[in-house]
Amino acid sequence: MVTVTEAAADKIKGMLTDQGNPEYGLRMMIAGGGCSGFQYRLAFDKQANEVDQVVEQNGIKVFIDNKSMIYLMGAELDYVEGLMGAGFKINNPNAKGTCGCGESFQV
């Protein structure tokens, strides 16, 4: 299962409200690419597809297709703010390594 922190959920709810789509959910995907082999993709979506698993936490829905769930099992989606900026961070216990820029990972 994927965990969504309260900070991430609050940011997602705010973004969805700002876009006028508070009923939407967040789609988390894994795609091939980057220098380490896999990249995370986040997008807003109106509803789940037939092949999706739906995680509901802290007032938001997260849609994850079965293939991506293999790589995301046990991951945590967080939102962090710091001196270098703010953004979503995925803490993934399945990632065995990342590239230098942190944009992709390997298993």
PDB file of N, CA and C in Angstrom:
ATOM      1  N   MET A   1       0.836  -1.181   0.000  1.00  0.00           N
ATOM      2  CA  MET A   1       0.000   0.000   0.000  1.00  0.00           C
ATOM      3  C   MET A   1       0.882   1.245   0.000  1.00  0.00           C
ATOM      4  N   VAL A   2       0.368   2.324  -0.522  1.00  0.00           N
ATOM      5  CA  VAL A   2       1.052   3.608  -0.555  1.00  0.00           C
ATOM      6  C   VAL A   2       0.490   4.486   0.557  1.00  0.00           C
ATOM      7  N   THR A   3       1.369   5.205   1.240  1.00  0.00           N
ATOM      8  CA  THR A   3       0.970   6.115   2.304  1.00  0.00           C
ATOM      9  C   THR A   3       1.071   7.549   1.806  1.00  0.00           C
ATOM     10  N   VAL A   4       0.083   8.366   2.162  1.00  0.00           N
ATOM     11  CA  VAL A   4       0.079   9.787   1.814  1.00  0.00           C
ATOM     12  C   VAL A   4       0.142  10.571   3.116  1.00  0.00           C
ATOM     13  N   THR A   5       1.180  11.387   3.279  1.00  0.00           N
ATOM     14  CA  THR A   5       1.294  12.166   4.506  1.00  0.00           C
ATOM     15  C   THR A   5       0.237  13.267   4.532  1.00  0.00           C
ATOM     16  N   GLU A   6       0.002  13.791   5.711  1.00  0.00           N
ATOM     17  CA  GLU A   6      -0.963  14.882   5.851  1.00  0.00           C
ATOM     18  C   GLU A   6      -0.516  16.114   5.070  1.00  0.00           C
ATOM     19  N   ALA A   7       0.793  16.383   5.058  1.00  0.00           N
ATOM     20  CA  ALA A   7       1.313  17.529   4.305  1.00  0.00           C
ATOM     21  C   ALA A   7       1.044  17.374   2.810  1.00  0.00           C
ATOM     22  N   ALA A   8       1.260  16.169   2.276  1.00  0.00           N
ATOM     23  CA  ALA A   8       1.003  15.921   0.854  1.00  0.00           C
ATOM     24  C   ALA A   8      -0.485  16.031   0.553  1.00  0.00           C
ATOM     25  N   ALA A   9      -1.316  15.460   1.419  1.00  0.00           N
ATOM     26  CA  ALA A   9      -2.764  15.508   1.205  1.00  0.00           C
ATOM     27  C   ALA A   9      -3.267  16.945   1.224  1.00  0.00           C
ATOM     28  N   ASP A  10      -2.784  17.750   2.161  1.00  0.00           N
ATOM     29  CA  ASP A  10      -3.209  19.152   2.236  1.00  0.00           C
ATOM     30  C   ASP A  10      -2.828  19.905   0.970  1.00  0.00           C
ATOM     31  N   LYS A  11      -1.617  19.679   0.465  1.00  0.00           N
ATOM     32  CA  LYS A  11      -1.172  20.356  -0.754  1.00  0.00           C
ATOM     33  C   LYS A  11      -2.005  19.912  -1.954  1.00  0.00           C
ATOM     34  N   ILE A  12      -2.277  18.620  -2.064  1.00  0.00           N
ATOM     35  CA  ILE A  12      -3.076  18.096  -3.178  1.00  0.00           C
ATOM     36  C   ILE A  12      -4.486  18.668  -3.136  1.00  0.00           C
ATOM     37  N   LYS A  13      -5.103  18.674  -1.949  1.00  0.00           N
ATOM     38  CA  LYS A  13      -6.461  19.230  -1.826  1.00  0.00           C
ATOM     39  C   LYS A  13      -6.481  20.695  -2.228  1.00  0.00           C
ATOM     40  N   GLY A  14      -5.475  21.453  -1.817  1.00  0.00           N
ATOM     41  CA  GLY A  14      -5.396  22.861  -2.191  1.00  0.00           C
ATOM     42  C   GLY A  14      -5.245  23.054  -3.689  1.00  0.00           C
ATOM     43  N   MET A  15      -4.406  22.245  -4.326  1.00  0.00           N
ATOM     44  CA  MET A  15      -4.207  22.347  -5.774  1.00  0.00           C
ATOM     45  C   MET A  15      -5.482  21.987  -6.528  1.00  0.00           C
ATOM     46  N   LEU A  16      -6.167  20.939  -6.084  1.00  0.00           N
ATOM     47  CA  LEU A  16      -7.411  20.530  -6.745  1.00  0.00           C
ATOM     48  C   LEU A  16      -8.488  21.601  -6.593  1.00  0.00           C
ATOM     49  N   THR A  17      -8.576  22.196  -5.425  1.00  0.00           N
ATOM     50  CA  THR A  17      -9.552  23.267  -5.200  1.00  0.00           C
ATOM     51  C   THR A  17      -9.222  24.471  -6.070  1.00  0.00           C
ATOM     52  N   ASP A  18      -7.942  24.846  -6.141  1.00  0.00           N
ATOM     53  CA  ASP A  18      -7.521  25.975  -6.980  1.00  0.00           C
ATOM     54  C   ASP A  18      -7.862  25.744  -8.445  1.00  0.00           C
ATOM     55  N   GLN A  19      -7.809  24.500  -8.896  1.00  0.00           N
ATOM     56  CA  GLN A  19      -8.119  24.166 -10.289  1.00  0.00           C
ATOM     57  C   GLN A  19      -9.611  23.970 -10.523  1.00  0.00           C
ATOM     58  N   GLY A  20     -10.409  24.055  -9.460  1.00  0.00           N
ATOM     59  CA  GLY A  20     -11.854  23.871  -9.597  1.00  0.00           C
ATOM     60  C   GLY A  20     -12.275  22.425  -9.744  1.00  0.00           C
ATOM     61  N   ASN A  21     -11.430  21.497  -9.308  1.00  0.00           N
ATOM     62  CA  ASN A  21     -11.719  20.065  -9.434  1.00  0.00           C
ATOM     63  C   ASN A  21     -11.530  19.335  -8.104  1.00  0.00           C
ATOM     64  N   PRO A  22     -12.209  19.763  -7.050  1.00  0.00           N
ATOM     65  CA  PRO A  22     -11.967  19.135  -5.741  1.00  0.00           C
ATOM     66  C   PRO A  22     -12.362  17.663  -5.673  1.00  0.00           C
ATOM     67  N   GLU A  23     -13.155  17.187  -6.631  1.00  0.00           N
ATOM     68  CA  GLU A  23     -13.583  15.780  -6.625  1.00  0.00           C
ATOM     69  C   GLU A  23     -12.570  14.855  -7.303  1.00  0.00           C
ATOM     70  N   TYR A  24     -11.549  15.404  -7.936  1.00  0.00           N
ATOM     71  CA  TYR A  24     -10.536  14.601  -8.616  1.00  0.00           C
ATOM     72  C   TYR A  24      -9.634  13.904  -7.602  1.00  0.00           C
ATOM     73  N   GLY A  25      -8.848  12.971  -8.101  1.00  0.00           N
ATOM     74  CA  GLY A  25      -7.846  12.291  -7.295  1.00  0.00           C
ATOM     75  C   GLY A  25      -6.481  12.438  -7.937  1.00  0.00           C
ATOM     76  N   LEU A  26      -5.487  11.877  -7.291  1.00  0.00           N
ATOM     77  CA  LEU A  26      -4.120  11.926  -7.791  1.00  0.00           C
ATOM     78  C   LEU A  26      -3.752  10.575  -8.387  1.00  0.00           C
ATOM     79  N   ARG A  27      -3.231  10.599  -9.600  1.00  0.00           N
ATOM     80  CA  ARG A  27      -2.741   9.375 -10.237  1.00  0.00           C
ATOM     81  C   ARG A  27      -1.230   9.322 -10.049  1.00  0.00           C
ATOM     82  N   MET A  28      -0.755   8.206  -9.486  1.00  0.00           N
ATOM     83  CA  MET A  28       0.682   7.954  -9.347  1.00  0.00           C
ATOM     84  C   MET A  28       1.057   6.854 -10.327  1.00  0.00           C
ATOM     85  N   MET A  29       2.103   7.101 -11.114  1.00  0.00           N
ATOM     86  CA  MET A  29       2.526   6.137 -12.123  1.00  0.00           C
ATOM     87  C   MET A  29       4.041   5.985 -12.105  1.00  0.00           C
ATOM     88  N   ILE A  30       4.485   4.855 -12.589  1.00  0.00           N
ATOM     89  CA  ILE A  30       5.901   4.612 -12.837  1.00  0.00           C
ATOM     90  C   ILE A  30       6.053   4.461 -14.344  1.00  0.00           C
ATOM     91  N   ALA A  31       7.008   5.201 -14.912  1.00  0.00           N
ATOM     92  CA  ALA A  31       7.268   5.127 -16.349  1.00  0.00           C
ATOM     93  C   ALA A  31       8.753   4.868 -16.558  1.00  0.00           C
ATOM     94  N   GLY A  32       9.077   4.207 -17.642  1.00  0.00           N
ATOM     95  CA  GLY A  32      10.473   4.011 -17.993  1.00  0.00           C
ATOM     96  C   GLY A  32      11.090   5.332 -18.396  1.00  0.00           C
ATOM     97  N   GLY A  33      12.342   5.533 -18.028  1.00  0.00           N
ATOM     98  CA  GLY A  33      13.022   6.756 -18.421  1.00  0.00           C
ATOM     99  C   GLY A  33      14.011   7.225 -17.375  1.00  0.00           C
ATOM    100  N   GLY A  34      14.675   8.303 -17.697  1.00  0.00           N
ATOM    101  CA  GLY A  34      15.680   8.844 -16.795  1.00  0.00           C
ATOM    102  C   GLY A  34      16.957   8.032 -16.862  1.00  0.00           C
ATOM    103  N   CYS A  35      17.976   8.515 -16.204  1.00  0.00           N
ATOM    104  CA  CYS A  35      19.270   7.830 -16.280  1.00  0.00           C
ATOM    105  C   CYS A  35      19.346   6.584 -15.409  1.00  0.00           C
ATOM    106  N   SER A  36      18.370   6.378 -14.511  1.00  0.00           N
ATOM    107  CA  SER A  36      18.388   5.174 -13.672  1.00  0.00           C
ATOM    108  C   SER A  36      17.350   4.135 -14.083  1.00  0.00           C
ATOM    109  N   GLY A  37      16.501   4.452 -15.054  1.00  0.00           N
ATOM    110  CA  GLY A  37      15.579   3.446 -15.578  1.00  0.00           C
ATOM    111  C   GLY A  37      14.105   3.696 -15.367  1.00  0.00           C
ATOM    112  N   PHE A  38      13.716   4.261 -14.221  1.00  0.00           N
ATOM    113  CA  PHE A  38      12.300   4.498 -13.929  1.00  0.00           C
ATOM    114  C   PHE A  38      12.100   5.918 -13.405  1.00  0.00           C
ATOM    115  N   GLN A  39      10.933   6.486 -13.720  1.00  0.00           N
ATOM    116  CA  GLN A  39      10.579   7.816 -13.231  1.00  0.00           C
ATOM    117  C   GLN A  39       9.180   7.792 -12.640  1.00  0.00           C
ATOM    118  N   TYR A  40       8.966   8.652 -11.650  1.00  0.00           N
ATOM    119  CA  TYR A  40       7.638   8.829 -11.069  1.00  0.00           C
ATOM    120  C   TYR A  40       6.867   9.833 -11.913  1.00  0.00           C
ATOM    121  N   ARG A  41       5.572   9.599 -12.050  1.00  0.00           N
ATOM    122  CA  ARG A  41       4.678  10.543 -12.724  1.00  0.00           C
ATOM    123  C   ARG A  41       3.486  10.792 -11.809  1.00  0.00           C
ATOM    124  N   LEU A  42       3.131  12.048 -11.628  1.00  0.00           N
ATOM    125  CA  LEU A  42       1.966  12.435 -10.841  1.00  0.00           C
ATOM    126  C   LEU A  42       1.063  13.282 -11.721  1.00  0.00           C
ATOM    127  N   ALA A  43      -0.236  13.012 -11.687  1.00  0.00           N
ATOM    128  CA  ALA A  43      -1.207  13.771 -12.477  1.00  0.00           C
ATOM    129  C   ALA A  43      -2.556  13.696 -11.781  1.00  0.00           C
ATOM    130  N   PHE A  44      -3.389  14.679 -12.029  1.00  0.00           N
ATOM    131  CA  PHE A  44      -4.745  14.645 -11.491  1.00  0.00           C
ATOM    132  C   PHE A  44      -5.648  13.909 -12.465  1.00  0.00           C
ATOM    133  N   ASP A  45      -6.602  13.157 -11.928  1.00  0.00           N
ATOM    134  CA  ASP A  45      -7.506  12.363 -12.756  1.00  0.00           C
ATOM    135  C   ASP A  45      -8.886  12.366 -12.122  1.00  0.00           C
ATOM    136  N   LYS A  46      -9.905  12.326 -12.974  1.00  0.00           N
ATOM    137  CA  LYS A  46     -11.283  12.387 -12.488  1.00  0.00           C
ATOM    138  C   LYS A  46     -11.718  11.097 -11.806  1.00  0.00           C
ATOM    139  N   GLN A  47     -11.266   9.960 -12.331  1.00  0.00           N
ATOM    140  CA  GLN A  47     -11.706   8.686 -11.761  1.00  0.00           C
ATOM    141  C   GLN A  47     -10.680   7.596 -12.014  1.00  0.00           C
ATOM    142  N   ALA A  48     -10.850   6.513 -11.292  1.00  0.00           N
ATOM    143  CA  ALA A  48      -9.966   5.361 -11.450  1.00  0.00           C
ATOM    144  C   ALA A  48     -10.330   4.588 -12.711  1.00  0.00           C
ATOM    145  N   ASN A  49      -9.350   3.908 -13.267  1.00  0.00           N
ATOM    146  CA  ASN A  49      -9.573   2.989 -14.379  1.00  0.00           C
ATOM    147  C   ASN A  49      -9.816   1.590 -13.819  1.00  0.00           C
ATOM    148  N   GLU A  50     -10.227   0.673 -14.686  1.00  0.00           N
ATOM    149  CA  GLU A  50     -10.516  -0.701 -14.256  1.00  0.00           C
ATOM    150  C   GLU A  50      -9.306  -1.398 -13.656  1.00  0.00           C
ATOM    151  N   VAL A  51      -8.106  -1.049 -14.110  1.00  0.00           N
ATOM    152  CA  VAL A  51      -6.895  -1.728 -13.644  1.00  0.00           C
ATOM    153  C   VAL A  51      -6.228  -1.009 -12.472  1.00  0.00           C
ATOM    154  N   ASP A  52      -6.889  -0.015 -11.909  1.00  0.00           N
ATOM    155  CA  ASP A  52      -6.305   0.769 -10.823  1.00  0.00           C
ATOM    156  C   ASP A  52      -6.647   0.217  -9.452  1.00  0.00           C
ATOM    157  N   GLN A  53      -5.724   0.399  -8.547  1.00  0.00           N
ATOM    158  CA  GLN A  53      -6.007   0.242  -7.129  1.00  0.00           C
ATOM    159  C   GLN A  53      -6.217   1.653  -6.591  1.00  0.00           C
ATOM    160  N   VAL A  54      -7.162   1.812  -5.695  1.00  0.00           N
ATOM    161  CA  VAL A  54      -7.480   3.132  -5.151  1.00  0.00           C
ATOM    162  C   VAL A  54      -7.113   3.157  -3.675  1.00  0.00           C
ATOM    163  N   VAL A  55      -6.299   4.128  -3.316  1.00  0.00           N
ATOM    164  CA  VAL A  55      -5.907   4.344  -1.928  1.00  0.00           C
ATOM    165  C   VAL A  55      -6.558   5.645  -1.485  1.00  0.00           C
ATOM    166  N   GLU A  56      -7.298   5.613  -0.388  1.00  0.00           N
ATOM    167  CA  GLU A  56      -7.913   6.827   0.157  1.00  0.00           C
ATOM    168  C   GLU A  56      -7.304   7.107   1.516  1.00  0.00           C
ATOM    169  N   GLN A  57      -6.640   8.260   1.619  1.00  0.00           N
ATOM    170  CA  GLN A  57      -6.012   8.658   2.873  1.00  0.00           C
ATOM    171  C   GLN A  57      -6.069  10.165   3.027  1.00  0.00           C
ATOM    172  N   ASN A  58      -6.288  10.593   4.260  1.00  0.00           N
ATOM    173  CA  ASN A  58      -6.271  12.022   4.585  1.00  0.00           C
ATOM    174  C   ASN A  58      -7.137  12.851   3.638  1.00  0.00           C
ATOM    175  N   GLY A  59      -8.259  12.278   3.210  1.00  0.00           N
ATOM    176  CA  GLY A  59      -9.218  13.029   2.406  1.00  0.00           C
ATOM    177  C   GLY A  59      -8.937  13.102   0.922  1.00  0.00           C
ATOM    178  N   ILE A  60      -7.981  12.332   0.415  1.00  0.00           N
ATOM    179  CA  ILE A  60      -7.737  12.317  -1.030  1.00  0.00           C
ATOM    180  C   ILE A  60      -7.739  10.878  -1.536  1.00  0.00           C
ATOM    181  N   LYS A  61      -8.002  10.743  -2.839  1.00  0.00           N
ATOM    182  CA  LYS A  61      -7.950   9.447  -3.509  1.00  0.00           C
ATOM    183  C   LYS A  61      -6.687   9.401  -4.364  1.00  0.00           C
ATOM    184  N   VAL A  62      -5.996   8.270  -4.310  1.00  0.00           N
ATOM    185  CA  VAL A  62      -4.815   8.060  -5.142  1.00  0.00           C
ATOM    186  C   VAL A  62      -5.088   6.851  -6.021  1.00  0.00           C
ATOM    187  N   PHE A  63      -4.937   7.027  -7.337  1.00  0.00           N
ATOM    188  CA  PHE A  63      -5.160   5.963  -8.309  1.00  0.00           C
ATOM    189  C   PHE A  63      -3.800   5.429  -8.765  1.00  0.00           C
ATOM    190  N   ILE A  64      -3.607   4.114  -8.655  1.00  0.00           N
ATOM    191  CA  ILE A  64      -2.339   3.500  -9.044  1.00  0.00           C
ATOM    192  C   ILE A  64      -2.638   2.248  -9.861  1.00  0.00           C
ATOM    193  N   ASP A  65      -2.121   2.198 -11.096  1.00  0.00           N
ATOM    194  CA  ASP A  65      -2.336   1.005 -11.915  1.00  0.00           C
ATOM    195  C   ASP A  65      -1.534  -0.158 -11.332  1.00  0.00           C
ATOM    196  N   ASN A  66      -1.947  -1.368 -11.658  1.00  0.00           N
ATOM    197  CA  ASN A  66      -1.339  -2.569 -11.074  1.00  0.00           C
ATOM    198  C   ASN A  66       0.160  -2.681 -11.346  1.00  0.00           C
ATOM    199  N   LYS A  67       0.600  -2.310 -12.549  1.00  0.00           N
ATOM    200  CA  LYS A  67       2.026  -2.389 -12.870  1.00  0.00           C
ATOM    201  C   LYS A  67       2.836  -1.429 -12.008  1.00  0.00           C
ATOM    202  N   SER A  68       2.326  -0.212 -11.839  1.00  0.00           N
ATOM    203  CA  SER A  68       3.039   0.770 -11.017  1.00  0.00           C
ATOM    204  C   SER A  68       3.035   0.377  -9.552  1.00  0.00           C
ATOM    205  N   MET A  69       1.957  -0.264  -9.093  1.00  0.00           N
ATOM    206  CA  MET A  69       1.863  -0.644  -7.683  1.00  0.00           C
ATOM    207  C   MET A  69       2.974  -1.602  -7.284  1.00  0.00           C
ATOM    208  N   ILE A  70       3.437  -2.420  -8.228  1.00  0.00           N
ATOM    209  CA  ILE A  70       4.544  -3.340  -7.937  1.00  0.00           C
ATOM    210  C   ILE A  70       5.760  -2.561  -7.439  1.00  0.00           C
ATOM    211  N   TYR A  71       6.038  -1.412  -8.062  1.00  0.00           N
ATOM    212  CA  TYR A  71       7.202  -0.605  -7.709  1.00  0.00           C
ATOM    213  C   TYR A  71       6.923   0.377  -6.569  1.00  0.00           C
ATOM    214  N   LEU A  72       5.641   0.651  -6.301  1.00  0.00           N
ATOM    215  CA  LEU A  72       5.279   1.642  -5.283  1.00  0.00           C
ATOM    216  C   LEU A  72       4.843   1.036  -3.952  1.00  0.00           C
ATOM    217  N   MET A  73       4.752  -0.277  -3.861  1.00  0.00           N
ATOM    218  CA  MET A  73       4.301  -0.924  -2.632  1.00  0.00           C
ATOM    219  C   MET A  73       5.173  -0.485  -1.454  1.00  0.00           C
ATOM    220  N   GLY A  74       4.537   0.073  -0.439  1.00  0.00           N
ATOM    221  CA  GLY A  74       5.252   0.528   0.752  1.00  0.00           C
ATOM    222  C   GLY A  74       5.801   1.938   0.659  1.00  0.00           C
ATOM    223  N   ALA A  75       5.582   2.620  -0.473  1.00  0.00           N
ATOM    224  CA  ALA A  75       6.109   3.975  -0.657  1.00  0.00           C
ATOM    225  C   ALA A  75       5.280   4.999   0.114  1.00  0.00           C
ATOM    226  N   GLU A  76       5.903   6.139   0.375  1.00  0.00           N
ATOM    227  CA  GLU A  76       5.235   7.246   1.055  1.00  0.00           C
ATOM    228  C   GLU A  76       5.338   8.492   0.183  1.00  0.00           C
ATOM    229  N   LEU A  77       4.202   9.144  -0.054  1.00  0.00           N
ATOM    230  CA  LEU A  77       4.169  10.413  -0.773  1.00  0.00           C
ATOM    231  C   LEU A  77       4.120  11.524   0.255  1.00  0.00           C
ATOM    232  N   ASP A  78       5.084  12.434   0.189  1.00  0.00           N
ATOM    233  CA  ASP A  78       5.176  13.538   1.141  1.00  0.00           C
ATOM    234  C   ASP A  78       5.297  14.846   0.371  1.00  0.00           C
ATOM    235  N   TYR A  79       5.058  15.951   1.064  1.00  0.00           N
ATOM    236  CA  TYR A  79       5.292  17.282   0.506  1.00  0.00           C
ATOM    237  C   TYR A  79       6.230  17.986   1.466  1.00  0.00           C
ATOM    238  N   VAL A  80       7.367  18.441   0.949  1.00  0.00           N
ATOM    239  CA  VAL A  80       8.372  19.066   1.805  1.00  0.00           C
ATOM    240  C   VAL A  80       8.688  20.473   1.317  1.00  0.00           C
ATOM    241  N   GLU A  81       8.984  21.336   2.277  1.00  0.00           N
ATOM    242  CA  GLU A  81       9.408  22.702   1.985  1.00  0.00           C
ATOM    243  C   GLU A  81      10.759  22.919   2.644  1.00  0.00           C
ATOM    244  N   GLY A  82      11.672  23.540   1.910  1.00  0.00           N
ATOM    245  CA  GLY A  82      13.003  23.788   2.445  1.00  0.00           C
ATOM    246  C   GLY A  82      13.665  24.953   1.745  1.00  0.00           C
ATOM    247  N   LEU A  83      14.922  25.176   2.060  1.00  0.00           N
ATOM    248  CA  LEU A  83      15.671  26.287   1.478  1.00  0.00           C
ATOM    249  C   LEU A  83      15.835  26.154  -0.032  1.00  0.00           C
ATOM    250  N   MET A  84      15.854  24.926  -0.524  1.00  0.00           N
ATOM    251  CA  MET A  84      16.042  24.692  -1.958  1.00  0.00           C
ATOM    252  C   MET A  84      14.722  24.669  -2.725  1.00  0.00           C
ATOM    253  N   GLY A  85      13.613  24.917  -2.033  1.00  0.00           N
ATOM    254  CA  GLY A  85      12.312  24.921  -2.689  1.00  0.00           C
ATOM    255  C   GLY A  85      11.362  23.945  -2.030  1.00  0.00           C
ATOM    256  N   ALA A  86      10.236  23.757  -2.669  1.00  0.00           N
ATOM    257  CA  ALA A  86       9.199  22.875  -2.138  1.00  0.00           C
ATOM    258  C   ALA A  86       8.745  21.927  -3.236  1.00  0.00           C
ATOM    259  N   GLY A  87       8.248  20.771  -2.816  1.00  0.00           N
ATOM    260  CA  GLY A  87       7.738  19.829  -3.802  1.00  0.00           C
ATOM    261  C   GLY A  87       7.373  18.501  -3.180  1.00  0.00           C
ATOM    262  N   PHE A  88       6.793  17.657  -4.003  1.00  0.00           N
ATOM    263  CA  PHE A  88       6.426  16.318  -3.565  1.00  0.00           C
ATOM    264  C   PHE A  88       7.676  15.440  -3.546  1.00  0.00           C
ATOM    265  N   LYS A  89       7.728  14.566  -2.557  1.00  0.00           N
ATOM    266  CA  LYS A  89       8.844  13.635  -2.432  1.00  0.00           C
ATOM    267  C   LYS A  89       8.270  12.244  -2.215  1.00  0.00           C
ATOM    268  N   ILE A  90       8.789  11.279  -2.947  1.00  0.00           N
ATOM    269  CA  ILE A  90       8.354   9.892  -2.796  1.00  0.00           C
ATOM    270  C   ILE A  90       9.477   9.119  -2.121  1.00  0.00           C
ATOM    271  N   ASN A  91       9.184   8.629  -0.935  1.00  0.00           N
ATOM    272  CA  ASN A  91      10.118   7.777  -0.199  1.00  0.00           C
ATOM    273  C   ASN A  91       9.747   6.335  -0.530  1.00  0.00           C
ATOM    274  N   ASN A  92      10.581   5.694  -1.341  1.00  0.00           N
ATOM    275  CA  ASN A  92      10.248   4.384  -1.883  1.00  0.00           C
ATOM    276  C   ASN A  92      11.251   3.329  -1.410  1.00  0.00           C
ATOM    277  N   PRO A  93      10.811   2.389  -0.569  1.00  0.00           N
ATOM    278  CA  PRO A  93      11.735   1.357  -0.088  1.00  0.00           C
ATOM    279  C   PRO A  93      12.183   0.388  -1.182  1.00  0.00           C
ATOM    280  N   ASN A  94      11.510   0.385  -2.327  1.00  0.00           N
ATOM    281  CA  ASN A  94      11.865  -0.507  -3.432  1.00  0.00           C
ATOM    282  C   ASN A  94      12.986   0.050  -4.299  1.00  0.00           C
ATOM    283  N   ALA A  95      13.254   1.347  -4.191  1.00  0.00           N
ATOM    284  CA  ALA A  95      14.301   1.976  -4.995  1.00  0.00           C
ATOM    285  C   ALA A  95      15.663   1.594  -4.423  1.00  0.00           C
ATOM    286  N   LYS A  96      16.467   0.944  -5.230  1.00  0.00           N
ATOM    287  CA  LYS A  96      17.800   0.512  -4.797  1.00  0.00           C
ATOM    288  C   LYS A  96      18.855   1.570  -5.078  1.00  0.00           C
ATOM    289  N   GLY A  97      18.520   2.549  -5.900  1.00  0.00           N
ATOM    290  CA  GLY A  97      19.447   3.621  -6.213  1.00  0.00           C
ATOM    291  C   GLY A  97      18.743   4.702  -7.001  1.00  0.00           C
ATOM    292  N   THR A  98      19.320   5.891  -7.001  1.00  0.00           N
ATOM    293  CA  THR A  98      18.772   7.011  -7.766  1.00  0.00           C
ATOM    294  C   THR A  98      19.893   7.647  -8.568  1.00  0.00           C
ATOM    295  N   CYS A  99      19.506   8.444  -9.549  1.00  0.00           N
ATOM    296  CA  CYS A  99      20.510   9.159 -10.324  1.00  0.00           C
ATOM    297  C   CYS A  99      20.958  10.395  -9.532  1.00  0.00           C
ATOM    298  N   GLY A 100      21.956  11.070 -10.013  1.00  0.00           N
ATOM    299  CA  GLY A 100      22.502  12.228  -9.317  1.00  0.00           C
ATOM    300  C   GLY A 100      21.512  13.351  -9.112  1.00  0.00           C
ATOM    301  N   CYS A 101      20.609  13.547 -10.067  1.00  0.00           N
ATOM    302  CA  CYS A 101      19.638  14.637  -9.945  1.00  0.00           C
ATOM    303  C   CYS A 101      18.415  14.222  -9.135  1.00  0.00           C
ATOM    304  N   GLY A 102      18.266  12.928  -8.852  1.00  0.00           N
ATOM    305  CA  GLY A 102      17.142  12.456  -8.051  1.00  0.00           C
ATOM    306  C   GLY A 102      15.839  12.328  -8.805  1.00  0.00           C
ATOM    307  N   GLU A 103      15.867  12.466 -10.122  1.00  0.00           N
ATOM    308  CA  GLU A 103      14.642  12.420 -10.918  1.00  0.00           C
ATOM    309  C   GLU A 103      14.238  11.013 -11.339  1.00  0.00           C
ATOM    310  N   SER A 104      15.138  10.045 -11.214  1.00  0.00           N
ATOM    311  CA  SER A 104      14.798   8.676 -11.597  1.00  0.00           C
ATOM    312  C   SER A 104      15.415   7.705 -10.592  1.00  0.00           C
ATOM    313  N   PHE A 105      14.972   6.440 -10.673  1.00  0.00           N
ATOM    314  CA  PHE A 105      15.442   5.439  -9.717  1.00  0.00           C
ATOM    315  C   PHE A 105      15.574   4.088 -10.395  1.00  0.00           C
ATOM    316  N   GLN A 106      16.250   3.181  -9.696  1.00  0.00           N
ATOM    317  CA  GLN A 106      16.387   1.803 -10.180  1.00  0.00           C
ATOM    318  C   GLN A 106      15.945   0.852  -9.085  1.00  0.00           C
ATOM    319  N   VAL A 107      15.531  -0.349  -9.491  1.00  0.00           N
ATOM    320  CA  VAL A 107      15.099  -1.365  -8.521  1.00  0.00           C
ATOM    321  C   VAL A 107      16.002  -2.578  -8.608  1.00  0.00           C
TER     322      VAL A 107
END
